[in-house]
Amino acid sequence: MNECKSVFDYTLELSPDGNVTIKDNCGCALKPETTDMPPIKKIINTRTITITEAEGSQWVYLNPPGIWYLIP
């Protein structure tokens, strides 16, 4: 049984071409269902992150938390 309690308990895997894969806590990718918004009761949480990749280097900036990461 899936023990994830929130969408933020999942892992977002970002590929270089910009595609995002959502994986559950077991590492299994979720299948996309629709591009239409399903009926919802209320939006309970929204988060935004900016990922900046520096050209010609191995540095990536994530905001939040506002930190540069060196990718090996």
C-alpha atoms as a PDB file:
ATOM      1  CA  MET A   1       0.000   0.000   0.000  1.00  0.00           C
ATOM      2  CA  ASN A   2       1.252   3.495  -0.837  1.00  0.00           C
ATOM      3  CA  GLU A   3       2.191   5.423   2.308  1.00  0.00           C
ATOM      4  CA  CYS A   4       2.631   8.856   0.682  1.00  0.00           C
ATOM      5  CA  LYS A   5       0.482  11.420   2.497  1.00  0.00           C
ATOM      6  CA  SER A   6       1.149  14.466   0.328  1.00  0.00           C
ATOM      7  CA  VAL A   7       2.195  15.146  -3.242  1.00  0.00           C
ATOM      8  CA  PHE A   8       5.397  16.518  -1.690  1.00  0.00           C
ATOM      9  CA  ASP A   9       6.237  13.026  -0.368  1.00  0.00           C
ATOM     10  CA  TYR A  10       7.024  12.089  -3.957  1.00  0.00           C
ATOM     11  CA  THR A  11      10.269  12.593  -5.896  1.00  0.00           C
ATOM     12  CA  LEU A  12      10.357  14.824  -8.959  1.00  0.00           C
ATOM     13  CA  GLU A  13      12.995  13.707 -11.454  1.00  0.00           C
ATOM     14  CA  LEU A  14      13.953  16.479 -13.873  1.00  0.00           C
ATOM     15  CA  SER A  15      15.619  15.483 -17.134  1.00  0.00           C
ATOM     16  CA  PRO A  16      17.905  17.807 -19.154  1.00  0.00           C
ATOM     17  CA  ASP A  17      15.168  18.306 -21.773  1.00  0.00           C
ATOM     18  CA  GLY A  18      12.825  19.737 -19.109  1.00  0.00           C
ATOM     19  CA  ASN A  19      10.568  16.708 -18.705  1.00  0.00           C
ATOM     20  CA  VAL A  20       9.559  15.827 -15.166  1.00  0.00           C
ATOM     21  CA  THR A  21       8.865  12.309 -13.903  1.00  0.00           C
ATOM     22  CA  ILE A  22       6.997  11.872 -10.623  1.00  0.00           C
ATOM     23  CA  LYS A  23       8.086   8.847  -8.587  1.00  0.00           C
ATOM     24  CA  ASP A  24       6.496   7.420  -5.445  1.00  0.00           C
ATOM     25  CA  ASN A  25       8.406   6.576  -2.269  1.00  0.00           C
ATOM     26  CA  CYS A  26       9.262   3.147  -3.758  1.00  0.00           C
ATOM     27  CA  GLY A  27      10.872   4.762  -6.833  1.00  0.00           C
ATOM     28  CA  CYS A  28       8.100   3.766  -9.251  1.00  0.00           C
ATOM     29  CA  ALA A  29       7.158   6.373 -11.865  1.00  0.00           C
ATOM     30  CA  LEU A  30       3.537   7.525 -11.861  1.00  0.00           C
ATOM     31  CA  LYS A  31       1.670   7.407 -15.160  1.00  0.00           C
ATOM     32  CA  PRO A  32       0.304  10.749 -16.428  1.00  0.00           C
ATOM     33  CA  GLU A  33      -3.499  10.645 -16.522  1.00  0.00           C
ATOM     34  CA  THR A  34      -4.804  13.835 -18.124  1.00  0.00           C
ATOM     35  CA  THR A  35      -4.002  17.436 -19.006  1.00  0.00           C
ATOM     36  CA  ASP A  36      -7.505  18.527 -17.940  1.00  0.00           C
ATOM     37  CA  MET A  37      -7.971  19.663 -14.354  1.00  0.00           C
ATOM     38  CA  PRO A  38      -9.915  17.057 -12.382  1.00  0.00           C
ATOM     39  CA  PRO A  39     -12.629  18.103  -9.905  1.00  0.00           C
ATOM     40  CA  ILE A  40     -10.948  19.193  -6.681  1.00  0.00           C
ATOM     41  CA  LYS A  41     -12.288  20.311  -3.327  1.00  0.00           C
ATOM     42  CA  LYS A  42      -9.599  22.895  -2.574  1.00  0.00           C
ATOM     43  CA  ILE A  43      -5.924  23.562  -3.236  1.00  0.00           C
ATOM     44  CA  ILE A  44      -4.048  22.809  -0.022  1.00  0.00           C
ATOM     45  CA  ASN A  45      -0.438  23.471  -0.987  1.00  0.00           C
ATOM     46  CA  THR A  46       1.535  25.035  -3.831  1.00  0.00           C
ATOM     47  CA  ARG A  47       5.291  25.275  -4.145  1.00  0.00           C
ATOM     48  CA  THR A  48       7.479  26.878  -6.775  1.00  0.00           C
ATOM     49  CA  ILE A  49      11.171  26.249  -7.350  1.00  0.00           C
ATOM     50  CA  THR A  50      13.544  27.853  -9.822  1.00  0.00           C
ATOM     51  CA  ILE A  51      16.413  25.741 -11.144  1.00  0.00           C
ATOM     52  CA  THR A  52      19.201  27.692 -12.853  1.00  0.00           C
ATOM     53  CA  GLU A  53      21.948  25.806 -14.665  1.00  0.00           C
ATOM     54  CA  ALA A  54      25.108  27.830 -15.299  1.00  0.00           C
ATOM     55  CA  GLU A  55      26.414  27.430 -18.858  1.00  0.00           C
ATOM     56  CA  GLY A  56      29.905  25.998 -19.139  1.00  0.00           C
ATOM     57  CA  SER A  57      30.075  24.805 -15.545  1.00  0.00           C
ATOM     58  CA  GLN A  58      28.746  22.160 -13.203  1.00  0.00           C
ATOM     59  CA  TRP A  59      26.921  24.673 -10.975  1.00  0.00           C
ATOM     60  CA  VAL A  60      23.167  24.653 -10.394  1.00  0.00           C
ATOM     61  CA  TYR A  61      21.234  27.252  -8.377  1.00  0.00           C
ATOM     62  CA  LEU A  62      18.052  26.214  -6.539  1.00  0.00           C
ATOM     63  CA  ASN A  63      15.712  28.871  -5.207  1.00  0.00           C
ATOM     64  CA  PRO A  64      14.405  28.152  -2.653  1.00  0.00           C
ATOM     65  CA  PRO A  65      16.638  27.545  -0.693  1.00  0.00           C
ATOM     66  CA  GLY A  66      18.826  30.069  -2.602  1.00  0.00           C
ATOM     67  CA  ILE A  67      21.935  27.907  -2.745  1.00  0.00           C
ATOM     68  CA  TRP A  68      24.401  27.016  -5.522  1.00  0.00           C
ATOM     69  CA  TYR A  69      25.189  23.310  -5.820  1.00  0.00           C
ATOM     70  CA  LEU A  70      28.236  21.848  -7.551  1.00  0.00           C
ATOM     71  CA  ILE A  71      27.116  18.805  -9.537  1.00  0.00           C
ATOM     72  CA  PRO A  72      29.922  16.226  -9.834  1.00  0.00           C
END
